[in-house]
C-alpha atoms as a PDB file:
ATOM      1  CA  MET A   1      35.163  47.128 -31.147  1.00  0.00           C
ATOM      2  CA  SER A   2      33.343  44.994 -28.568  1.00  0.00           C
ATOM      3  CA  PHE A   3      33.863  41.276 -28.062  1.00  0.00           C
ATOM      4  CA  VAL A   4      30.399  40.514 -29.480  1.00  0.00           C
ATOM      5  CA  SER A   5      31.060  42.596 -32.602  1.00  0.00           C
ATOM      6  CA  THR A   6      34.486  41.035 -33.114  1.00  0.00           C
ATOM      7  CA  LEU A   7      33.184  37.480 -32.717  1.00  0.00           C
ATOM      8  CA  ASN A   8      30.215  38.085 -35.011  1.00  0.00           C
ATOM      9  CA  GLU A   9      32.450  39.762 -37.593  1.00  0.00           C
ATOM     10  CA  TYR A  10      34.637  36.653 -37.674  1.00  0.00           C
ATOM     11  CA  CYS A  11      31.544  34.481 -38.217  1.00  0.00           C
ATOM     12  CA  VAL A  12      30.421  36.681 -41.119  1.00  0.00           C
ATOM     13  CA  LEU A  13      33.897  36.734 -42.660  1.00  0.00           C
ATOM     14  CA  LEU A  14      34.115  32.950 -42.360  1.00  0.00           C
ATOM     15  CA  ASP A  15      30.514  32.477 -43.467  1.00  0.00           C
ATOM     16  CA  CYS A  16      30.122  29.998 -40.637  1.00  0.00           C
ATOM     17  CA  SER A  17      27.249  29.204 -38.338  1.00  0.00           C
ATOM     18  CA  SER A  18      27.397  29.161 -34.575  1.00  0.00           C
ATOM     19  CA  LYS A  19      27.123  25.385 -34.788  1.00  0.00           C
ATOM     20  CA  ASP A  20      30.226  25.212 -37.036  1.00  0.00           C
ATOM     21  CA  LEU A  21      32.247  27.409 -34.702  1.00  0.00           C
ATOM     22  CA  ALA A  22      31.026  25.586 -31.595  1.00  0.00           C
ATOM     23  CA  GLU A  23      32.107  22.245 -33.040  1.00  0.00           C
ATOM     24  CA  ARG A  24      35.521  23.512 -34.180  1.00  0.00           C
ATOM     25  CA  SER A  25      36.247  25.367 -30.942  1.00  0.00           C
ATOM     26  CA  GLY A  26      34.969  22.803 -28.456  1.00  0.00           C
ATOM     27  CA  ILE A  27      32.596  25.311 -26.854  1.00  0.00           C
ATOM     28  CA  SER A  28      29.007  24.287 -26.277  1.00  0.00           C
ATOM     29  CA  PRO A  29      26.483  25.704 -28.758  1.00  0.00           C
ATOM     30  CA  SER A  30      24.483  27.336 -25.947  1.00  0.00           C
ATOM     31  CA  THR A  31      27.575  29.094 -24.569  1.00  0.00           C
ATOM     32  CA  LEU A  32      28.557  30.305 -28.027  1.00  0.00           C
ATOM     33  CA  SER A  33      25.016  31.563 -28.584  1.00  0.00           C
ATOM     34  CA  ARG A  34      25.238  33.588 -25.354  1.00  0.00           C
ATOM     35  CA  TYR A  35      28.630  34.977 -26.435  1.00  0.00           C
ATOM     36  CA  ARG A  36      27.273  36.011 -29.837  1.00  0.00           C
ATOM     37  CA  SER A  37      24.194  37.683 -28.344  1.00  0.00           C
ATOM     38  CA  GLY A  38      26.181  39.494 -25.649  1.00  0.00           C
ATOM     39  CA  ARG A  39      24.358  37.817 -22.770  1.00  0.00           C
ATOM     40  CA  ARG A  40      27.673  36.373 -21.616  1.00  0.00           C
ATOM     41  CA  THR A  41      31.348  37.079 -22.136  1.00  0.00           C
ATOM     42  CA  PRO A  42      34.287  34.793 -21.487  1.00  0.00           C
ATOM     43  CA  SER A  43      36.826  35.763 -18.880  1.00  0.00           C
ATOM     44  CA  TYR A  44      39.847  37.606 -20.214  1.00  0.00           C
ATOM     45  CA  ASP A  45      42.339  34.989 -19.076  1.00  0.00           C
ATOM     46  CA  GLY A  46      40.105  31.951 -19.504  1.00  0.00           C
ATOM     47  CA  GLU A  47      40.296  28.999 -21.848  1.00  0.00           C
ATOM     48  CA  SER A  48      37.297  30.028 -23.971  1.00  0.00           C
ATOM     49  CA  VAL A  49      39.094  32.831 -25.837  1.00  0.00           C
ATOM     50  CA  ARG A  50      41.880  30.451 -26.818  1.00  0.00           C
ATOM     51  CA  LYS A  51      39.351  27.823 -27.940  1.00  0.00           C
ATOM     52  CA  LEU A  52      37.430  30.365 -30.008  1.00  0.00           C
ATOM     53  CA  ALA A  53      40.636  31.600 -31.651  1.00  0.00           C
ATOM     54  CA  SER A  54      41.613  28.024 -32.467  1.00  0.00           C
ATOM     55  CA  GLY A  55      38.193  27.300 -33.984  1.00  0.00           C
ATOM     56  CA  ILE A  56      38.203  30.511 -36.030  1.00  0.00           C
ATOM     57  CA  VAL A  57      41.655  29.806 -37.440  1.00  0.00           C
ATOM     58  CA  ALA A  58      40.754  26.179 -38.212  1.00  0.00           C
ATOM     59  CA  ILE A  59      37.664  27.215 -40.178  1.00  0.00           C
ATOM     60  CA  ALA A  60      39.651  29.914 -42.021  1.00  0.00           C
ATOM     61  CA  ARG A  61      42.249  27.347 -43.065  1.00  0.00           C
ATOM     62  CA  GLU A  62      39.596  24.859 -44.194  1.00  0.00           C
ATOM     63  CA  ARG A  63      37.957  27.545 -46.317  1.00  0.00           C
ATOM     64  CA  ASN A  64      41.210  29.078 -47.602  1.00  0.00           C
ATOM     65  CA  ILE A  65      40.468  32.475 -46.081  1.00  0.00           C
ATOM     66  CA  ASP A  66      43.771  34.331 -45.834  1.00  0.00           C
ATOM     67  CA  GLN A  67      42.600  37.520 -44.068  1.00  0.00           C
ATOM     68  CA  ILE A  68      42.642  35.826 -40.672  1.00  0.00           C
ATOM     69  CA  GLY A  69      45.925  35.622 -38.816  1.00  0.00           C
ATOM     70  CA  ASP A  70      47.171  32.951 -36.472  1.00  0.00           C
ATOM     71  CA  GLU A  71      45.573  31.877 -33.193  1.00  0.00           C
ATOM     72  CA  GLU A  72      47.533  34.398 -31.149  1.00  0.00           C
ATOM     73  CA  GLU A  73      46.415  37.310 -33.337  1.00  0.00           C
ATOM     74  CA  VAL A  74      42.773  36.223 -33.234  1.00  0.00           C
ATOM     75  CA  ALA A  75      42.901  35.705 -29.454  1.00  0.00           C
ATOM     76  CA  THR A  76      44.437  39.168 -29.008  1.00  0.00           C
ATOM     77  CA  GLU A  77      41.688  40.759 -31.084  1.00  0.00           C
ATOM     78  CA  LEU A  78      38.988  38.946 -29.107  1.00  0.00           C
ATOM     79  CA  LYS A  79      40.606  40.012 -25.825  1.00  0.00           C
ATOM     80  CA  MET A  80      40.752  43.627 -26.995  1.00  0.00           C
ATOM     81  CA  GLY A  81      36.997  43.391 -27.473  1.00  0.00           C
ATOM     82  CA  LEU A  82      36.592  42.130 -23.919  1.00  0.00           C
ATOM     83  CA  ASN A  83      38.308  45.266 -22.643  1.00  0.00           C
ATOM     84  CA  HIS A  84      36.274  47.593 -24.872  1.00  0.00           C
ATOM     85  CA  GLY A  85      34.502  49.995 -22.531  1.00  0.00           C
ATOM     86  CA  SER A  86      34.619  47.703 -19.526  1.00  0.00           C
ATOM     87  CA  GLU A  87      37.641  49.222 -17.817  1.00  0.00           C
ATOM     88  CA  SER A  88      35.926  52.501 -17.076  1.00  0.00           C
ATOM     89  CA  PHE A  89      32.746  50.700 -15.949  1.00  0.00           C
ATOM     90  CA  SER A  90      34.834  48.555 -13.603  1.00  0.00           C
ATOM     91  CA  ARG A  91      36.747  51.496 -12.154  1.00  0.00           C
ATOM     92  CA  ARG A  92      33.640  53.596 -11.721  1.00  0.00           C
ATOM     93  CA  LEU A  93      31.570  50.870 -10.082  1.00  0.00           C
ATOM     94  CA  ASP A  94      34.431  50.091  -7.727  1.00  0.00           C
ATOM     95  CA  ALA A  95      34.928  53.770  -6.820  1.00  0.00           C
ATOM     96  CA  LEU A  96      31.226  54.280  -6.203  1.00  0.00           C
ATOM     97  CA  MET A  97      30.886  51.185  -4.026  1.00  0.00           C
ATOM     98  CA  ARG A  98      33.966  52.157  -1.997  1.00  0.00           C
ATOM     99  CA  THR A  99      32.710  55.700  -1.490  1.00  0.00           C
ATOM    100  CA  LEU A 100      29.292  54.495  -0.370  1.00  0.00           C
ATOM    101  CA  LYS A 101      30.788  51.703   1.732  1.00  0.00           C
ATOM    102  CA  ILE A 102      28.745  49.044  -0.052  1.00  0.00           C
ATOM    103  CA  SER A 103      30.206  45.574   0.241  1.00  0.00           C
ATOM    104  CA  ASN A 104      30.509  43.311  -2.748  1.00  0.00           C
ATOM    105  CA  VAL A 105      28.160  40.762  -1.154  1.00  0.00           C
ATOM    106  CA  GLU A 106      25.541  43.405  -0.347  1.00  0.00           C
ATOM    107  CA  MET A 107      25.505  44.881  -3.865  1.00  0.00           C
ATOM    108  CA  ALA A 108      25.541  41.454  -5.519  1.00  0.00           C
ATOM    109  CA  ARG A 109      22.555  40.335  -3.455  1.00  0.00           C
ATOM    110  CA  GLN A 110      20.613  43.514  -4.234  1.00  0.00           C
ATOM    111  CA  VAL A 111      21.228  43.432  -7.989  1.00  0.00           C
ATOM    112  CA  ALA A 112      20.748  39.636  -8.270  1.00  0.00           C
ATOM    113  CA  VAL A 113      24.212  38.575  -9.413  1.00  0.00           C
ATOM    114  CA  ASP A 114      26.785  36.235  -7.947  1.00  0.00           C
ATOM    115  CA  PRO A 115      29.290  38.022  -5.653  1.00  0.00           C
ATOM    116  CA  SER A 116      32.260  36.460  -7.468  1.00  0.00           C
ATOM    117  CA  TYR A 117      30.896  37.704 -10.812  1.00  0.00           C
ATOM    118  CA  LEU A 118      30.560  41.224  -9.399  1.00  0.00           C
ATOM    119  CA  SER A 119      34.045  41.012  -7.921  1.00  0.00           C
ATOM    120  CA  ARG A 120      35.505  40.076 -11.317  1.00  0.00           C
ATOM    121  CA  ILE A 121      33.699  43.026 -12.901  1.00  0.00           C
ATOM    122  CA  ARG A 122      34.981  45.421 -10.225  1.00  0.00           C
ATOM    123  CA  ASN A 123      38.588  44.316 -10.662  1.00  0.00           C
ATOM    124  CA  GLY A 124      38.374  44.420 -14.464  1.00  0.00           C
ATOM    125  CA  ARG A 125      38.758  40.695 -15.098  1.00  0.00           C
ATOM    126  CA  ARG A 126      35.235  40.388 -16.512  1.00  0.00           C
ATOM    127  CA  SER A 127      32.940  42.579 -18.558  1.00  0.00           C
ATOM    128  CA  PRO A 128      29.300  42.721 -17.535  1.00  0.00           C
ATOM    129  CA  ALA A 129      27.117  40.687 -19.872  1.00  0.00           C
ATOM    130  CA  ASP A 130      24.426  43.385 -19.697  1.00  0.00           C
ATOM    131  CA  PRO A 131      26.174  46.654 -18.770  1.00  0.00           C
ATOM    132  CA  GLN A 132      23.035  48.796 -19.112  1.00  0.00           C
ATOM    133  CA  GLY A 133      20.972  46.453 -16.956  1.00  0.00           C
ATOM    134  CA  LEU A 134      23.651  46.143 -14.288  1.00  0.00           C
ATOM    135  CA  ALA A 135      24.230  49.909 -14.224  1.00  0.00           C
ATOM    136  CA  ALA A 136      20.487  50.542 -13.874  1.00  0.00           C
ATOM    137  CA  ARG A 137      20.088  47.990 -11.060  1.00  0.00           C
ATOM    138  CA  CYS A 138      23.134  49.315  -9.175  1.00  0.00           C
ATOM    139  CA  ALA A 139      21.919  52.899  -9.524  1.00  0.00           C
ATOM    140  CA  GLU A 140      18.444  51.948  -8.356  1.00  0.00           C
ATOM    141  CA  TYR A 141      19.817  50.178  -5.296  1.00  0.00           C
ATOM    142  CA  ILE A 142      22.100  53.064  -4.436  1.00  0.00           C
ATOM    143  CA  VAL A 143      19.309  55.633  -4.609  1.00  0.00           C
ATOM    144  CA  GLN A 144      16.438  53.601  -3.168  1.00  0.00           C
ATOM    145  CA  HIS A 145      18.239  51.826  -0.364  1.00  0.00           C
ATOM    146  CA  ARG A 146      20.991  54.243   0.592  1.00  0.00           C
ATOM    147  CA  GLN A 147      19.068  57.078   2.151  1.00  0.00           C
ATOM    148  CA  ASP A 148      22.104  58.530   3.923  1.00  0.00           C
ATOM    149  CA  ARG A 149      22.064  61.897   2.136  1.00  0.00           C
ATOM    150  CA  GLU A 150      25.636  62.668   3.175  1.00  0.00           C
ATOM    151  CA  LEU A 151      26.853  59.501   1.451  1.00  0.00           C
ATOM    152  CA  LEU A 152      24.715  60.259  -1.593  1.00  0.00           C
ATOM    153  CA  GLY A 153      26.347  63.695  -1.637  1.00  0.00           C
ATOM    154  CA  ASP A 154      29.711  61.915  -1.649  1.00  0.00           C
ATOM    155  CA  ALA A 155      28.478  59.777  -4.536  1.00  0.00           C
ATOM    156  CA  LEU A 156      27.520  62.912  -6.459  1.00  0.00           C
ATOM    157  CA  ALA A 157      30.991  64.269  -5.870  1.00  0.00           C
ATOM    158  CA  VAL A 158      32.531  61.038  -7.196  1.00  0.00           C
ATOM    159  CA  ILE A 159      30.423  61.058 -10.360  1.00  0.00           C
ATOM    160  CA  GLY A 160      30.764  64.771 -10.943  1.00  0.00           C
ATOM    161  CA  GLY A 161      27.106  65.440 -10.244  1.00  0.00           C
ATOM    162  CA  SER A 162      27.877  68.948  -9.137  1.00  0.00           C
ATOM    163  CA  ASP A 163      28.992  69.724 -12.697  1.00  0.00           C
ATOM    164  CA  ALA A 164      25.661  68.504 -14.075  1.00  0.00           C
ATOM    165  CA  GLY A 165      23.614  70.205 -11.381  1.00  0.00           C
ATOM    166  CA  HIS A 166      21.935  68.366  -8.558  1.00  0.00           C
ATOM    167  CA  PRO A 167      19.218  65.970  -9.661  1.00  0.00           C
ATOM    168  CA  LYS A 168      15.791  66.958  -8.374  1.00  0.00           C
ATOM    169  CA  THR A 169      14.262  63.476  -8.074  1.00  0.00           C
ATOM    170  CA  ASP A 170      15.431  60.004  -7.171  1.00  0.00           C
ATOM    171  CA  GLN A 171      14.740  58.939 -10.778  1.00  0.00           C
ATOM    172  CA  GLU A 172      17.020  61.700 -12.092  1.00  0.00           C
ATOM    173  CA  LEU A 173      19.736  60.623  -9.651  1.00  0.00           C
ATOM    174  CA  GLN A 174      19.390  56.979 -10.740  1.00  0.00           C
ATOM    175  CA  GLU A 175      19.700  57.992 -14.395  1.00  0.00           C
ATOM    176  CA  LEU A 176      22.715  60.177 -13.640  1.00  0.00           C
ATOM    177  CA  ILE A 177      24.506  57.350 -11.797  1.00  0.00           C
ATOM    178  CA  ALA A 178      23.686  54.777 -14.505  1.00  0.00           C
ATOM    179  CA  ARG A 179      24.885  57.102 -17.302  1.00  0.00           C
ATOM    180  CA  TRP A 180      28.085  57.816 -15.407  1.00  0.00           C
ATOM    181  CA  LEU A 181      28.788  54.103 -14.916  1.00  0.00           C
ATOM    182  CA  LEU A 182      28.352  53.504 -18.655  1.00  0.00           C
ATOM    183  CA  GLU A 183      30.429  56.423 -19.951  1.00  0.00           C
ATOM    184  CA  LYS A 184      33.289  55.421 -22.201  1.00  0.00           C
END
């Protein structure tokens, strides 16, 4: 289950609002709103997961809800959600960028994200807030701005494009790359 689903499930189980959880966890309401909508995810080893777990457990205790474990259990479950599906995205994006010799700074600039954010995604320490959008933008950049057909052939080899047949148009190639990045 994803981080967003896990967090929202806790809120439903606790029958608590984002405001309640924000106050109890010490996380700003706007940040919590972005977490709950999936527009942002906390870093795996950051303070936010611990704060959320603490807030969830505190509300459960106040409301006498026994189904929720201790802070460590809740934090572990939230962290499992952060890893849900992101490892393969991270590995694939990294492999594709290495094969095509695209630097982190170059790709980040072209897809309008911070280079450190992209670096954390590539090394698996962060999940993309919008995986579909990032995959689409990366695929578009690769196809539109990397006209070296030999390198694109290498990219097809990396993603297994030969198994799916060679795409006929740039749009088909973009869709193939984006789908491959998002595979679970």
